[in-house]
Amino acid sequence: RRRMAMFERAIHSQGNHGRTWNGYAAYNPAMVVKMLDIFRVVHNYIDTRKDGKEVTTPAMRLGLAKAPIEYKTILYFSGKR
């Protein structure tokens, strides 16, 4: 939740008698779904972590990818081969 401001928990303050306020909340729930889809792709295929001597992604560890993917490959995806 801390990596994306939209998904943080609401703020409690002393002066509003137990009510909460979330200034970063998404106004449209459909945007939350889109943000989670983008985050999932970036986390699984782009963000790398060093395992011993190798740099891997979660998709590589599961055998779904051979190497980390670049942002431009995903942003400019056309679906044609």
N, C-alpha and C. Protein backbone atom coordinates (compact mmCIF):
# COMPACT_ATOMS: atom_id res chain seq x y z
N ARG A 1 0.81 -1.21 0.00
CA ARG A 1 0.00 0.00 0.00
C ARG A 1 0.84 1.26 0.00
N ARG A 2 2.01 1.23 0.57
CA ARG A 2 2.80 2.44 0.69
C ARG A 2 3.43 2.87 -0.62
N ARG A 3 3.52 1.99 -1.61
CA ARG A 3 4.15 2.35 -2.87
C ARG A 3 3.24 3.18 -3.75
N MET A 4 1.93 3.14 -3.51
CA MET A 4 0.97 3.90 -4.32
C MET A 4 0.08 4.71 -3.38
N ALA A 5 0.08 6.01 -3.54
CA ALA A 5 -0.65 6.89 -2.63
C ALA A 5 -2.15 6.64 -2.64
N MET A 6 -2.69 6.17 -3.76
CA MET A 6 -4.13 5.94 -3.85
C MET A 6 -4.62 4.85 -2.89
N PHE A 7 -3.73 3.94 -2.52
CA PHE A 7 -4.14 2.78 -1.74
C PHE A 7 -3.79 2.89 -0.26
N GLU A 8 -3.31 4.04 0.19
CA GLU A 8 -2.98 4.20 1.59
C GLU A 8 -4.25 4.24 2.44
N ARG A 9 -4.09 3.89 3.68
CA ARG A 9 -5.23 3.94 4.60
C ARG A 9 -5.55 5.38 4.96
N ALA A 10 -6.78 5.59 5.40
CA ALA A 10 -7.24 6.94 5.74
C ALA A 10 -6.50 7.49 6.95
N ILE A 11 -6.44 8.82 7.05
CA ILE A 11 -5.73 9.50 8.13
C ILE A 11 -6.71 9.78 9.28
N HIS A 12 -6.29 9.43 10.49
CA HIS A 12 -7.08 9.75 11.68
C HIS A 12 -6.45 10.98 12.33
N SER A 13 -7.28 11.89 12.74
CA SER A 13 -6.73 13.06 13.44
C SER A 13 -7.50 13.28 14.74
N GLN A 14 -6.90 14.01 15.62
CA GLN A 14 -7.47 14.25 16.94
C GLN A 14 -8.73 15.10 16.86
N GLY A 15 -8.78 16.03 15.94
CA GLY A 15 -9.86 17.00 15.93
C GLY A 15 -11.15 16.60 15.23
N ASN A 16 -11.17 15.48 14.55
CA ASN A 16 -12.41 15.17 13.82
C ASN A 16 -13.19 14.00 14.44
N HIS A 17 -12.98 13.71 15.71
CA HIS A 17 -13.80 12.81 16.52
C HIS A 17 -13.96 11.41 15.90
N GLY A 18 -12.88 10.81 15.47
CA GLY A 18 -12.92 9.44 14.98
C GLY A 18 -13.21 9.29 13.50
N ARG A 19 -13.60 10.37 12.85
CA ARG A 19 -13.82 10.29 11.41
C ARG A 19 -12.48 10.21 10.70
N THR A 20 -12.48 9.65 9.53
CA THR A 20 -11.23 9.54 8.77
C THR A 20 -11.33 10.34 7.49
N TRP A 21 -10.18 10.69 6.96
CA TRP A 21 -10.12 11.44 5.71
C TRP A 21 -8.98 10.89 4.88
N ASN A 22 -9.24 10.63 3.64
CA ASN A 22 -8.20 10.14 2.75
C ASN A 22 -8.12 11.09 1.57
N GLY A 23 -7.16 11.96 1.60
CA GLY A 23 -7.00 12.97 0.55
C GLY A 23 -6.49 12.44 -0.76
N TYR A 24 -5.94 11.21 -0.76
CA TYR A 24 -5.38 10.66 -1.99
C TYR A 24 -6.29 9.62 -2.63
N ALA A 25 -7.46 9.38 -2.08
CA ALA A 25 -8.32 8.31 -2.56
C ALA A 25 -8.75 8.55 -4.01
N ALA A 26 -8.91 7.46 -4.73
CA ALA A 26 -9.37 7.55 -6.12
C ALA A 26 -10.86 7.86 -6.14
N TYR A 27 -11.24 8.78 -7.01
CA TYR A 27 -12.66 9.12 -7.12
C TYR A 27 -13.42 8.09 -7.94
N ASN A 28 -12.73 7.40 -8.82
CA ASN A 28 -13.36 6.42 -9.69
C ASN A 28 -12.76 5.05 -9.41
N PRO A 29 -13.56 4.08 -8.96
CA PRO A 29 -13.02 2.75 -8.67
C PRO A 29 -12.40 2.06 -9.89
N ALA A 30 -12.83 2.41 -11.08
CA ALA A 30 -12.24 1.82 -12.29
C ALA A 30 -10.77 2.21 -12.42
N MET A 31 -10.41 3.38 -11.92
CA MET A 31 -9.01 3.81 -11.96
C MET A 31 -8.14 2.96 -11.03
N VAL A 32 -8.70 2.50 -9.94
CA VAL A 32 -7.96 1.63 -9.02
C VAL A 32 -7.60 0.33 -9.73
N VAL A 33 -8.54 -0.23 -10.47
CA VAL A 33 -8.28 -1.47 -11.22
C VAL A 33 -7.18 -1.25 -12.25
N LYS A 34 -7.23 -0.14 -12.96
CA LYS A 34 -6.20 0.16 -13.97
C LYS A 34 -4.83 0.34 -13.32
N MET A 35 -4.79 1.04 -12.20
CA MET A 35 -3.52 1.26 -11.51
C MET A 35 -2.93 -0.05 -11.00
N LEU A 36 -3.78 -0.94 -10.49
CA LEU A 36 -3.29 -2.23 -10.01
C LEU A 36 -2.76 -3.08 -11.15
N ASP A 37 -3.40 -3.04 -12.32
CA ASP A 37 -2.91 -3.78 -13.48
C ASP A 37 -1.54 -3.29 -13.91
N ILE A 38 -1.37 -1.99 -13.97
CA ILE A 38 -0.07 -1.41 -14.35
C ILE A 38 0.99 -1.78 -13.31
N PHE A 39 0.65 -1.65 -12.04
CA PHE A 39 1.59 -1.96 -10.97
C PHE A 39 2.01 -3.43 -11.02
N ARG A 40 1.05 -4.32 -11.30
CA ARG A 40 1.34 -5.75 -11.36
C ARG A 40 2.32 -6.07 -12.48
N VAL A 41 2.14 -5.48 -13.65
CA VAL A 41 3.06 -5.72 -14.77
C VAL A 41 4.45 -5.18 -14.44
N VAL A 42 4.52 -3.99 -13.91
CA VAL A 42 5.82 -3.40 -13.58
C VAL A 42 6.53 -4.24 -12.52
N HIS A 43 5.82 -4.64 -11.50
CA HIS A 43 6.43 -5.42 -10.42
C HIS A 43 6.93 -6.78 -10.93
N ASN A 44 6.14 -7.46 -11.74
CA ASN A 44 6.49 -8.81 -12.16
C ASN A 44 7.46 -8.89 -13.33
N TYR A 45 7.48 -7.90 -14.21
CA TYR A 45 8.28 -8.02 -15.42
C TYR A 45 9.39 -6.99 -15.57
N ILE A 46 9.34 -5.87 -14.84
CA ILE A 46 10.33 -4.80 -15.02
C ILE A 46 11.23 -4.64 -13.80
N ASP A 47 10.67 -4.53 -12.60
CA ASP A 47 11.46 -4.33 -11.39
C ASP A 47 12.35 -5.54 -11.14
N THR A 48 13.63 -5.28 -10.95
CA THR A 48 14.59 -6.37 -10.77
C THR A 48 15.08 -6.44 -9.33
N ARG A 49 15.56 -7.61 -8.98
CA ARG A 49 16.14 -7.84 -7.66
C ARG A 49 17.36 -8.73 -7.86
N LYS A 50 18.37 -8.53 -7.07
CA LYS A 50 19.59 -9.31 -7.22
C LYS A 50 19.50 -10.58 -6.38
N ASP A 51 19.52 -11.74 -7.03
CA ASP A 51 19.53 -13.05 -6.37
C ASP A 51 20.91 -13.65 -6.54
N GLY A 52 21.74 -13.52 -5.54
CA GLY A 52 23.11 -14.00 -5.66
C GLY A 52 23.85 -13.12 -6.66
N LYS A 53 24.25 -13.70 -7.78
CA LYS A 53 24.95 -12.94 -8.81
C LYS A 53 24.02 -12.52 -9.94
N GLU A 54 22.82 -13.10 -10.01
CA GLU A 54 21.89 -12.83 -11.11
C GLU A 54 20.90 -11.72 -10.74
N VAL A 55 20.51 -10.96 -11.74
CA VAL A 55 19.46 -9.95 -11.59
C VAL A 55 18.20 -10.55 -12.18
N THR A 56 17.16 -10.71 -11.35
CA THR A 56 15.95 -11.39 -11.79
C THR A 56 14.70 -10.58 -11.46
N THR A 57 13.60 -11.00 -12.07
CA THR A 57 12.27 -10.47 -11.76
C THR A 57 11.42 -11.65 -11.27
N PRO A 58 10.29 -11.39 -10.64
CA PRO A 58 9.43 -12.50 -10.22
C PRO A 58 8.99 -13.38 -11.40
N ALA A 59 8.74 -12.79 -12.56
CA ALA A 59 8.34 -13.58 -13.73
C ALA A 59 9.48 -14.49 -14.20
N MET A 60 10.70 -14.03 -14.08
CA MET A 60 11.85 -14.86 -14.46
C MET A 60 12.00 -16.03 -13.50
N ARG A 61 11.79 -15.80 -12.22
CA ARG A 61 11.90 -16.87 -11.24
C ARG A 61 10.83 -17.94 -11.43
N LEU A 62 9.66 -17.54 -11.97
CA LEU A 62 8.59 -18.50 -12.25
C LEU A 62 8.71 -19.13 -13.63
N GLY A 63 9.66 -18.67 -14.43
CA GLY A 63 9.84 -19.22 -15.77
C GLY A 63 8.94 -18.59 -16.82
N LEU A 64 8.34 -17.44 -16.54
CA LEU A 64 7.44 -16.78 -17.47
C LEU A 64 8.17 -15.80 -18.39
N ALA A 65 9.38 -15.41 -18.04
CA ALA A 65 10.16 -14.46 -18.83
C ALA A 65 11.62 -14.89 -18.82
N LYS A 66 12.32 -14.53 -19.90
CA LYS A 66 13.74 -14.88 -19.99
C LYS A 66 14.64 -13.75 -19.49
N ALA A 67 14.15 -12.51 -19.56
CA ALA A 67 14.93 -11.35 -19.14
C ALA A 67 13.97 -10.25 -18.71
N PRO A 68 14.46 -9.26 -17.97
CA PRO A 68 13.61 -8.12 -17.62
C PRO A 68 13.17 -7.38 -18.88
N ILE A 69 11.95 -6.87 -18.86
CA ILE A 69 11.40 -6.16 -20.01
C ILE A 69 11.59 -4.66 -19.78
N GLU A 70 11.81 -3.92 -20.85
CA GLU A 70 11.97 -2.47 -20.75
C GLU A 70 10.61 -1.80 -20.78
N TYR A 71 10.54 -0.60 -20.20
CA TYR A 71 9.29 0.17 -20.18
C TYR A 71 8.77 0.42 -21.59
N LYS A 72 9.64 0.77 -22.51
CA LYS A 72 9.19 1.11 -23.86
C LYS A 72 8.55 -0.08 -24.57
N THR A 73 8.96 -1.29 -24.24
CA THR A 73 8.36 -2.49 -24.83
C THR A 73 6.90 -2.62 -24.43
N ILE A 74 6.60 -2.29 -23.20
CA ILE A 74 5.22 -2.38 -22.71
C ILE A 74 4.40 -1.17 -23.16
N LEU A 75 4.98 0.02 -23.09
CA LEU A 75 4.24 1.23 -23.45
C LEU A 75 3.85 1.27 -24.92
N TYR A 76 4.71 0.76 -25.78
CA TYR A 76 4.46 0.81 -27.22
C TYR A 76 4.06 -0.54 -27.78
N PHE A 77 3.41 -1.38 -26.97
CA PHE A 77 2.97 -2.72 -27.38
C PHE A 77 1.90 -2.60 -28.46
N SER A 78 2.08 -3.34 -29.56
CA SER A 78 1.10 -3.26 -30.64
C SER A 78 0.29 -4.56 -30.80
N GLY A 79 0.77 -5.67 -30.25
CA GLY A 79 0.04 -6.92 -30.35
C GLY A 79 0.35 -7.69 -31.63
N LYS A 80 1.10 -7.11 -32.54
CA LYS A 80 1.46 -7.77 -33.78
C LYS A 80 2.80 -8.46 -33.62
N ARG A 81 2.96 -9.58 -34.29
CA ARG A 81 4.23 -10.31 -34.26
C ARG A 81 4.76 -10.44 -35.63
